[in-house]
Each structure stands twice: as C-alpha cells, then as structure tokens.
C-alpha cells in the first residue's frame, strides 16, 4: 500500500505539470499573467493530500469585475448528504502565482508541491526574483 501513495503523489505532480505546460503559449508569456489553467493547478497544488483525495474535487474560477489582480477560486467536492460541498475559497495573484485564502485575512497558502509549481509558473512568466519581490503582496484581504 505505501507504493500507492507514492504513485498518487507522482500522478498529481504530473497532472499539475501537464496543466501548466499545455497552457504556456506565446500569448500567455507576452501578457506576463497567470492563466486560468495555471491558477487552477496552483489551487489544486495548495490543497492538503486529504483534500485532493475527496470525491470529485474540482476548482471553479470566479473572475468577477473587481478581480484585475487576483483570480478567485472555490474548491468543491461531491460532499455528503448533510455536509458542505465547499472545501475552501482561494485567491491567486495573477502576477506572481501566490495563493491566498480568500476568507482568512492575509493567509498565504504554502507547501512543497505548491512552491515547486509556483517556481515553474514564475519561470514561464520570465519573472525574476527582484521583479517578484516588487510585485509581492500580502493578499487581497490585507491593507498594504
């Protein structure tokens, strides 16, 4: 059974990489913004292993009128008859790939899988460390 966990982890990383690579067109690079597919992959990477194993887990993006900097996402799953189908809500910084809680003020998501995918996204955006530091925010719910 331990090998099953290793297989699941590798399959998840491969899925995120495929979503990322398939979305890295020349037009995306010219805009220097995270694409919706990249945002979805980043949100999925921010989930805990337990959350990723929920039945029918998925990401719904909400690009409302006030979301010029952030792409907002809600993660849902199949749910239980008496339970919530919402796992959590997130905000992805479209310039840096940082992932924040969209309900807890100033909370930035981080884990090893997410950091690895963020590195790939920032490389595709041609975002240097210095540029990243200039663009870095505390999140959509924080006063700067």
N, C-alpha and C. Protein backbone atom coordinates (compact mmCIF):
# COMPACT_ATOMS: atom_id res chain seq x y z
N UNK A 1 0.79 -1.21 0.00
CA UNK A 1 0.00 0.00 0.00
C UNK A 1 0.84 1.27 0.00
N UNK A 2 2.03 1.34 0.64
CA UNK A 2 2.82 2.56 0.63
C UNK A 2 3.16 3.01 -0.79
N UNK A 3 3.32 2.05 -1.73
CA UNK A 3 3.65 2.42 -3.09
C UNK A 3 2.49 3.13 -3.76
N UNK A 4 1.27 2.84 -3.33
CA UNK A 4 0.08 3.51 -3.88
C UNK A 4 0.14 5.01 -3.59
N UNK A 5 0.58 5.37 -2.36
CA UNK A 5 0.70 6.78 -2.00
C UNK A 5 1.73 7.49 -2.85
N UNK A 6 2.85 6.82 -3.11
CA UNK A 6 3.90 7.40 -3.96
C UNK A 6 3.37 7.58 -5.37
N UNK A 7 2.63 6.57 -5.88
CA UNK A 7 2.06 6.67 -7.21
C UNK A 7 1.08 7.84 -7.30
N UNK A 8 0.21 8.00 -6.28
CA UNK A 8 -0.77 9.10 -6.28
C UNK A 8 -0.07 10.46 -6.29
N UNK A 9 0.99 10.58 -5.50
CA UNK A 9 1.72 11.84 -5.42
C UNK A 9 2.35 12.16 -6.77
N UNK A 10 2.97 11.16 -7.40
CA UNK A 10 3.60 11.38 -8.71
C UNK A 10 2.56 11.71 -9.77
N UNK A 11 1.41 11.03 -9.70
CA UNK A 11 0.34 11.30 -10.66
C UNK A 11 -0.17 12.73 -10.51
N UNK A 12 -0.30 13.21 -9.26
CA UNK A 12 -0.76 14.57 -9.02
C UNK A 12 0.23 15.59 -9.57
N UNK A 13 1.52 15.39 -9.30
CA UNK A 13 2.54 16.32 -9.79
C UNK A 13 2.56 16.32 -11.31
N UNK A 14 2.41 15.14 -11.94
CA UNK A 14 2.38 15.05 -13.39
C UNK A 14 1.16 15.78 -13.95
N UNK A 15 0.00 15.63 -13.30
CA UNK A 15 -1.21 16.32 -13.73
C UNK A 15 -1.02 17.84 -13.69
N UNK A 16 -0.46 18.33 -12.60
CA UNK A 16 -0.23 19.77 -12.48
C UNK A 16 0.75 20.25 -13.55
N UNK A 17 1.79 19.47 -13.79
CA UNK A 17 2.77 19.86 -14.81
C UNK A 17 2.13 19.88 -16.19
N UNK A 18 1.26 18.90 -16.48
CA UNK A 18 0.58 18.88 -17.78
C UNK A 18 -0.34 20.08 -17.94
N UNK A 19 -1.09 20.41 -16.91
CA UNK A 19 -1.95 21.60 -16.97
C UNK A 19 -1.12 22.85 -17.22
N UNK A 20 0.02 22.93 -16.57
CA UNK A 20 0.88 24.09 -16.68
C UNK A 20 1.48 24.17 -18.08
N UNK A 21 2.06 23.08 -18.58
CA UNK A 21 2.74 23.09 -19.88
C UNK A 21 1.76 23.34 -21.00
N UNK A 22 0.57 22.75 -20.92
CA UNK A 22 -0.39 22.90 -22.00
C UNK A 22 -0.91 24.33 -22.12
N UNK A 23 -0.68 25.13 -21.10
CA UNK A 23 -1.23 26.49 -21.10
C UNK A 23 -0.16 27.56 -21.33
N UNK A 24 1.07 27.18 -21.61
CA UNK A 24 2.15 28.14 -21.73
C UNK A 24 2.38 28.54 -23.18
N UNK A 25 1.42 29.23 -23.77
CA UNK A 25 1.55 29.67 -25.15
C UNK A 25 2.29 31.01 -25.22
N UNK A 26 2.68 31.40 -26.41
CA UNK A 26 3.41 32.66 -26.60
C UNK A 26 2.57 33.86 -26.15
N UNK A 27 1.26 33.81 -26.38
CA UNK A 27 0.39 34.91 -25.96
C UNK A 27 0.38 35.05 -24.44
N UNK A 28 0.36 33.91 -23.73
CA UNK A 28 0.37 33.96 -22.27
C UNK A 28 1.65 34.60 -21.76
N UNK A 29 2.78 34.24 -22.37
CA UNK A 29 4.05 34.78 -21.92
C UNK A 29 4.11 36.29 -22.18
N UNK A 30 3.52 36.73 -23.27
CA UNK A 30 3.54 38.16 -23.61
C UNK A 30 2.77 38.97 -22.57
N UNK A 31 1.70 38.41 -22.03
CA UNK A 31 0.89 39.13 -21.05
C UNK A 31 1.51 39.12 -19.66
N UNK A 32 2.37 38.16 -19.36
CA UNK A 32 3.01 38.03 -18.05
C UNK A 32 1.99 37.91 -16.92
N UNK A 33 0.96 37.13 -17.18
CA UNK A 33 -0.06 36.88 -16.17
C UNK A 33 -0.35 35.39 -16.09
N UNK A 34 -0.70 34.96 -14.90
CA UNK A 34 -1.10 33.57 -14.69
C UNK A 34 -2.40 33.33 -15.45
N UNK A 35 -2.46 32.23 -16.17
CA UNK A 35 -3.66 31.88 -16.93
C UNK A 35 -4.66 31.17 -16.02
N UNK A 36 -5.90 31.06 -16.44
CA UNK A 36 -6.88 30.32 -15.63
C UNK A 36 -6.46 28.87 -15.38
N UNK A 37 -5.92 28.18 -16.37
CA UNK A 37 -5.49 26.79 -16.16
C UNK A 37 -4.35 26.72 -15.15
N UNK A 38 -3.42 27.65 -15.22
CA UNK A 38 -2.33 27.68 -14.25
C UNK A 38 -2.87 27.98 -12.86
N UNK A 39 -3.83 28.90 -12.75
CA UNK A 39 -4.43 29.23 -11.46
C UNK A 39 -5.11 28.00 -10.85
N UNK A 40 -5.83 27.25 -11.66
CA UNK A 40 -6.47 26.03 -11.18
C UNK A 40 -5.43 25.04 -10.66
N UNK A 41 -4.35 24.86 -11.41
CA UNK A 41 -3.29 23.93 -10.99
C UNK A 41 -2.64 24.40 -9.69
N UNK A 42 -2.43 25.71 -9.55
CA UNK A 42 -1.85 26.25 -8.33
C UNK A 42 -2.77 26.02 -7.13
N UNK A 43 -4.05 26.22 -7.32
CA UNK A 43 -5.01 26.00 -6.23
C UNK A 43 -5.02 24.52 -5.84
N UNK A 44 -5.06 23.63 -6.83
CA UNK A 44 -5.03 22.20 -6.53
C UNK A 44 -3.75 21.82 -5.79
N UNK A 45 -2.63 22.42 -6.17
CA UNK A 45 -1.36 22.14 -5.51
C UNK A 45 -1.35 22.64 -4.07
N UNK A 46 -2.17 23.64 -3.77
CA UNK A 46 -2.21 24.20 -2.41
C UNK A 46 -3.00 23.32 -1.44
N UNK A 47 -3.79 22.38 -1.96
CA UNK A 47 -4.62 21.52 -1.11
C UNK A 47 -3.77 20.51 -0.35
N UNK A 48 -4.29 20.08 0.77
CA UNK A 48 -3.64 19.01 1.52
C UNK A 48 -3.85 17.68 0.78
N UNK A 49 -3.03 16.67 1.03
CA UNK A 49 -3.26 15.37 0.40
C UNK A 49 -4.67 14.83 0.67
N UNK A 50 -5.18 15.02 1.88
CA UNK A 50 -6.52 14.56 2.23
C UNK A 50 -7.58 15.27 1.37
N UNK A 51 -7.42 16.58 1.18
CA UNK A 51 -8.38 17.34 0.37
C UNK A 51 -8.33 16.91 -1.09
N UNK A 52 -7.14 16.61 -1.60
CA UNK A 52 -7.00 16.18 -3.01
C UNK A 52 -7.67 14.83 -3.25
N UNK A 53 -7.82 14.00 -2.20
CA UNK A 53 -8.44 12.68 -2.34
C UNK A 53 -9.96 12.71 -2.21
N UNK A 54 -10.55 13.86 -1.93
CA UNK A 54 -12.00 13.94 -1.80
C UNK A 54 -12.67 13.57 -3.12
N UNK A 55 -13.82 12.92 -3.07
CA UNK A 55 -14.51 12.52 -4.30
C UNK A 55 -14.90 13.73 -5.16
N UNK A 56 -14.58 13.68 -6.42
CA UNK A 56 -14.95 14.71 -7.40
C UNK A 56 -14.46 16.10 -7.02
N UNK A 57 -13.28 16.21 -6.44
CA UNK A 57 -12.75 17.53 -6.08
C UNK A 57 -12.50 18.32 -7.37
N UNK A 58 -12.85 19.60 -7.34
CA UNK A 58 -12.67 20.44 -8.52
C UNK A 58 -12.54 21.90 -8.15
N UNK A 59 -12.09 22.69 -9.12
CA UNK A 59 -11.87 24.12 -8.92
C UNK A 59 -12.80 24.90 -9.84
N UNK A 60 -13.50 25.88 -9.26
CA UNK A 60 -14.36 26.77 -10.04
C UNK A 60 -13.78 28.18 -9.92
N UNK A 61 -13.37 28.76 -11.05
CA UNK A 61 -12.83 30.12 -11.04
C UNK A 61 -13.96 31.12 -11.14
N UNK A 62 -13.80 32.23 -10.44
CA UNK A 62 -14.77 33.32 -10.48
C UNK A 62 -14.01 34.60 -10.80
N UNK A 63 -14.09 35.03 -12.03
CA UNK A 63 -13.40 36.25 -12.44
C UNK A 63 -14.38 37.41 -12.41
N UNK A 64 -14.69 37.85 -11.20
CA UNK A 64 -15.62 38.95 -11.00
C UNK A 64 -15.07 40.26 -11.52
N UNK A 65 -15.88 41.31 -11.47
CA UNK A 65 -15.49 42.61 -12.01
C UNK A 65 -14.32 43.27 -11.27
N UNK A 66 -14.10 42.93 -10.00
CA UNK A 66 -13.03 43.55 -9.22
C UNK A 66 -11.81 42.65 -9.08
N UNK A 67 -11.61 41.76 -10.05
CA UNK A 67 -10.53 40.80 -9.91
C UNK A 67 -9.42 41.03 -10.95
N UNK A 68 -9.01 42.26 -11.13
CA UNK A 68 -7.98 42.54 -12.12
C UNK A 68 -6.63 41.96 -11.70
N UNK A 69 -6.34 41.89 -10.41
CA UNK A 69 -5.07 41.35 -9.94
C UNK A 69 -5.20 39.89 -9.51
N UNK A 70 -6.33 39.52 -8.93
CA UNK A 70 -6.49 38.19 -8.37
C UNK A 70 -7.53 37.38 -9.14
N UNK A 71 -7.23 36.10 -9.29
CA UNK A 71 -8.20 35.14 -9.81
C UNK A 71 -8.76 34.41 -8.59
N UNK A 72 -10.07 34.49 -8.39
CA UNK A 72 -10.69 33.86 -7.23
C UNK A 72 -11.22 32.48 -7.61
N UNK A 73 -11.07 31.54 -6.69
CA UNK A 73 -11.47 30.17 -6.96
C UNK A 73 -12.12 29.56 -5.74
N UNK A 74 -13.08 28.70 -6.00
CA UNK A 74 -13.71 27.91 -4.96
C UNK A 74 -13.45 26.45 -5.27
N UNK A 75 -12.98 25.71 -4.27
CA UNK A 75 -12.75 24.28 -4.43
C UNK A 75 -13.95 23.56 -3.85
N UNK A 76 -14.52 22.66 -4.66
CA UNK A 76 -15.70 21.90 -4.24
C UNK A 76 -15.42 20.40 -4.38
N UNK A 77 -16.28 19.61 -3.76
CA UNK A 77 -16.21 18.16 -3.89
C UNK A 77 -17.62 17.60 -3.87
N UNK A 78 -17.76 16.29 -4.03
CA UNK A 78 -19.08 15.67 -4.12
C UNK A 78 -19.91 15.88 -2.85
N UNK A 79 -19.27 15.98 -1.69
CA UNK A 79 -19.99 16.26 -0.46
C UNK A 79 -20.73 15.07 0.10
N UNK A 80 -21.37 15.31 1.23
CA UNK A 80 -22.19 14.29 1.88
C UNK A 80 -23.61 14.83 1.94
N UNK A 81 -24.60 13.98 2.17
CA UNK A 81 -25.98 14.46 2.18
C UNK A 81 -26.22 15.62 3.16
N UNK A 82 -25.56 15.63 4.31
CA UNK A 82 -25.78 16.68 5.30
C UNK A 82 -24.58 17.60 5.46
N UNK A 83 -23.64 17.56 4.54
CA UNK A 83 -22.43 18.35 4.69
C UNK A 83 -22.23 19.35 3.56
N UNK A 84 -21.22 20.16 3.72
CA UNK A 84 -20.89 21.18 2.73
C UNK A 84 -20.15 20.57 1.55
N UNK A 85 -20.35 21.12 0.39
CA UNK A 85 -19.60 20.69 -0.78
C UNK A 85 -18.41 21.60 -1.03
N UNK A 86 -18.29 22.68 -0.26
CA UNK A 86 -17.18 23.62 -0.43
C UNK A 86 -16.02 23.22 0.46
N UNK A 87 -14.83 23.05 -0.15
CA UNK A 87 -13.62 22.76 0.61
C UNK A 87 -13.08 24.08 1.16
N UNK A 88 -12.90 25.07 0.28
CA UNK A 88 -12.39 26.38 0.68
C UNK A 88 -12.40 27.31 -0.52
N UNK A 89 -12.10 28.58 -0.27
CA UNK A 89 -12.02 29.59 -1.33
C UNK A 89 -10.63 30.19 -1.33
N UNK A 90 -10.12 30.50 -2.52
CA UNK A 90 -8.74 30.96 -2.69
C UNK A 90 -8.68 32.15 -3.64
N UNK A 91 -7.57 32.87 -3.54
CA UNK A 91 -7.27 33.97 -4.47
C UNK A 91 -5.85 33.75 -4.98
N UNK A 92 -5.68 33.74 -6.31
CA UNK A 92 -4.38 33.55 -6.92
C UNK A 92 -3.94 34.89 -7.51
N UNK A 93 -2.77 35.35 -7.09
CA UNK A 93 -2.21 36.59 -7.63
C UNK A 93 -1.81 36.34 -9.08
N UNK A 94 -2.45 37.04 -10.01
CA UNK A 94 -2.21 36.78 -11.43
C UNK A 94 -0.84 37.25 -11.91
N UNK A 95 -0.12 38.00 -11.09
CA UNK A 95 1.22 38.45 -11.49
C UNK A 95 2.33 37.61 -10.88
N UNK A 96 2.08 36.96 -9.74
CA UNK A 96 3.14 36.21 -9.05
C UNK A 96 2.85 34.73 -8.87
N UNK A 97 1.60 34.30 -8.96
CA UNK A 97 1.25 32.92 -8.71
C UNK A 97 1.10 32.59 -7.23
N UNK A 98 1.18 33.60 -6.37
CA UNK A 98 0.96 33.36 -4.94
C UNK A 98 -0.51 32.98 -4.73
N UNK A 99 -0.74 32.07 -3.78
CA UNK A 99 -2.09 31.60 -3.49
C UNK A 99 -2.44 32.00 -2.06
N UNK A 100 -3.57 32.67 -1.91
CA UNK A 100 -4.02 33.15 -0.61
C UNK A 100 -5.38 32.58 -0.28
N UNK A 101 -5.68 32.49 1.01
CA UNK A 101 -7.03 32.17 1.43
C UNK A 101 -7.91 33.37 1.06
N UNK A 102 -9.08 33.10 0.50
CA UNK A 102 -9.99 34.19 0.16
C UNK A 102 -10.96 34.47 1.29
N UNK A 103 -10.78 33.77 2.41
CA UNK A 103 -11.67 34.01 3.55
C UNK A 103 -10.92 34.38 4.83
N UNK A 104 -9.65 34.01 4.94
CA UNK A 104 -8.86 34.36 6.12
C UNK A 104 -7.90 35.48 5.76
N UNK A 105 -8.02 36.59 6.39
CA UNK A 105 -7.22 37.77 6.09
C UNK A 105 -5.73 37.48 6.09
N UNK A 106 -5.07 37.80 5.00
CA UNK A 106 -3.61 37.76 4.86
C UNK A 106 -2.98 36.38 4.94
N UNK A 107 -3.74 35.30 4.85
CA UNK A 107 -3.16 33.96 4.96
C UNK A 107 -2.71 33.48 3.59
N UNK A 108 -1.40 33.24 3.45
CA UNK A 108 -0.84 32.73 2.20
C UNK A 108 -0.64 31.23 2.30
N UNK A 109 -1.15 30.51 1.31
CA UNK A 109 -1.00 29.06 1.26
C UNK A 109 0.42 28.71 0.86
N UNK A 110 0.96 27.64 1.43
CA UNK A 110 2.28 27.17 1.03
C UNK A 110 2.44 25.71 1.39
N UNK A 111 3.09 24.98 0.53
CA UNK A 111 3.52 23.61 0.77
C UNK A 111 4.53 23.27 -0.33
N UNK A 112 5.16 22.14 -0.21
CA UNK A 112 6.22 21.78 -1.15
C UNK A 112 5.73 21.69 -2.60
N UNK A 113 4.58 21.04 -2.83
CA UNK A 113 4.05 20.91 -4.19
C UNK A 113 3.73 22.28 -4.78
N UNK A 114 3.12 23.13 -3.97
CA UNK A 114 2.76 24.46 -4.45
C UNK A 114 4.00 25.27 -4.79
N UNK A 115 5.01 25.26 -3.92
CA UNK A 115 6.24 26.01 -4.20
C UNK A 115 6.91 25.55 -5.49
N UNK A 116 6.92 24.25 -5.74
CA UNK A 116 7.53 23.72 -6.97
C UNK A 116 6.77 24.21 -8.20
N UNK A 117 5.45 24.19 -8.14
CA UNK A 117 4.65 24.64 -9.28
C UNK A 117 4.77 26.15 -9.46
N UNK A 118 4.81 26.91 -8.36
CA UNK A 118 5.00 28.36 -8.45
C UNK A 118 6.32 28.70 -9.13
N UNK A 119 7.34 27.93 -8.85
CA UNK A 119 8.65 28.16 -9.48
C UNK A 119 8.53 27.99 -10.99
N UNK A 120 7.81 26.96 -11.44
CA UNK A 120 7.61 26.74 -12.86
C UNK A 120 6.81 27.88 -13.49
N UNK A 121 5.76 28.30 -12.82
CA UNK A 121 4.91 29.38 -13.34
C UNK A 121 5.73 30.67 -13.46
N UNK A 122 6.48 31.00 -12.44
CA UNK A 122 7.28 32.23 -12.47
C UNK A 122 8.36 32.19 -13.54
N UNK A 123 8.91 31.01 -13.78
CA UNK A 123 9.89 30.87 -14.87
C UNK A 123 9.21 31.12 -16.21
N UNK A 124 8.03 30.56 -16.41
CA UNK A 124 7.28 30.76 -17.66
C UNK A 124 6.89 32.22 -17.85
N UNK A 125 6.67 32.93 -16.74
CA UNK A 125 6.32 34.35 -16.81
C UNK A 125 7.56 35.23 -16.97
N UNK A 126 8.73 34.61 -16.99
CA UNK A 126 10.01 35.35 -17.04
C UNK A 126 10.11 36.32 -15.87
N UNK A 127 9.66 35.89 -14.72
CA UNK A 127 9.63 36.73 -13.53
C UNK A 127 10.90 36.49 -12.71
N UNK A 128 11.76 37.50 -12.65
CA UNK A 128 12.99 37.37 -11.87
C UNK A 128 12.66 37.49 -10.38
N UNK A 129 13.59 37.09 -9.55
CA UNK A 129 13.40 37.20 -8.10
C UNK A 129 13.18 38.66 -7.70
N UNK A 130 13.94 39.58 -8.31
CA UNK A 130 13.79 41.01 -7.99
C UNK A 130 12.41 41.52 -8.41
N UNK A 131 11.94 41.10 -9.59
CA UNK A 131 10.62 41.52 -10.04
C UNK A 131 9.53 40.94 -9.14
N UNK A 132 9.73 39.67 -8.74
CA UNK A 132 8.77 39.05 -7.84
C UNK A 132 8.66 39.84 -6.54
N UNK A 133 9.80 40.21 -5.97
CA UNK A 133 9.80 40.96 -4.70
C UNK A 133 9.06 42.30 -4.85
N UNK A 134 9.18 42.94 -6.00
CA UNK A 134 8.47 44.21 -6.23
C UNK A 134 6.96 44.00 -6.35
N UNK A 135 6.56 42.87 -6.95
CA UNK A 135 5.14 42.59 -7.18
C UNK A 135 4.44 41.93 -6.00
N UNK A 136 5.21 41.35 -5.09
CA UNK A 136 4.67 40.59 -3.97
C UNK A 136 3.70 41.44 -3.12
N UNK A 137 2.55 40.85 -2.83
CA UNK A 137 1.56 41.50 -1.97
C UNK A 137 1.27 40.60 -0.76
N UNK A 138 0.49 41.13 0.15
CA UNK A 138 0.08 40.35 1.33
C UNK A 138 -1.23 39.64 1.08
N UNK A 139 -1.84 39.87 -0.06
CA UNK A 139 -3.09 39.20 -0.39
C UNK A 139 -4.22 40.17 -0.60
N UNK A 140 -5.34 39.66 -1.12
CA UNK A 140 -6.47 40.54 -1.46
C UNK A 140 -7.22 41.10 -0.26
N UNK A 141 -7.07 40.50 0.91
CA UNK A 141 -7.81 40.95 2.08
C UNK A 141 -6.97 41.79 3.04
N UNK A 142 -5.76 42.14 2.62
CA UNK A 142 -4.85 42.87 3.51
C UNK A 142 -4.69 44.32 3.09
N UNK A 143 -4.47 45.16 4.07
CA UNK A 143 -4.11 46.54 3.81
C UNK A 143 -2.61 46.53 3.55
N UNK A 144 -2.19 47.16 2.49
CA UNK A 144 -0.75 47.19 2.15
C UNK A 144 -0.01 48.11 3.01
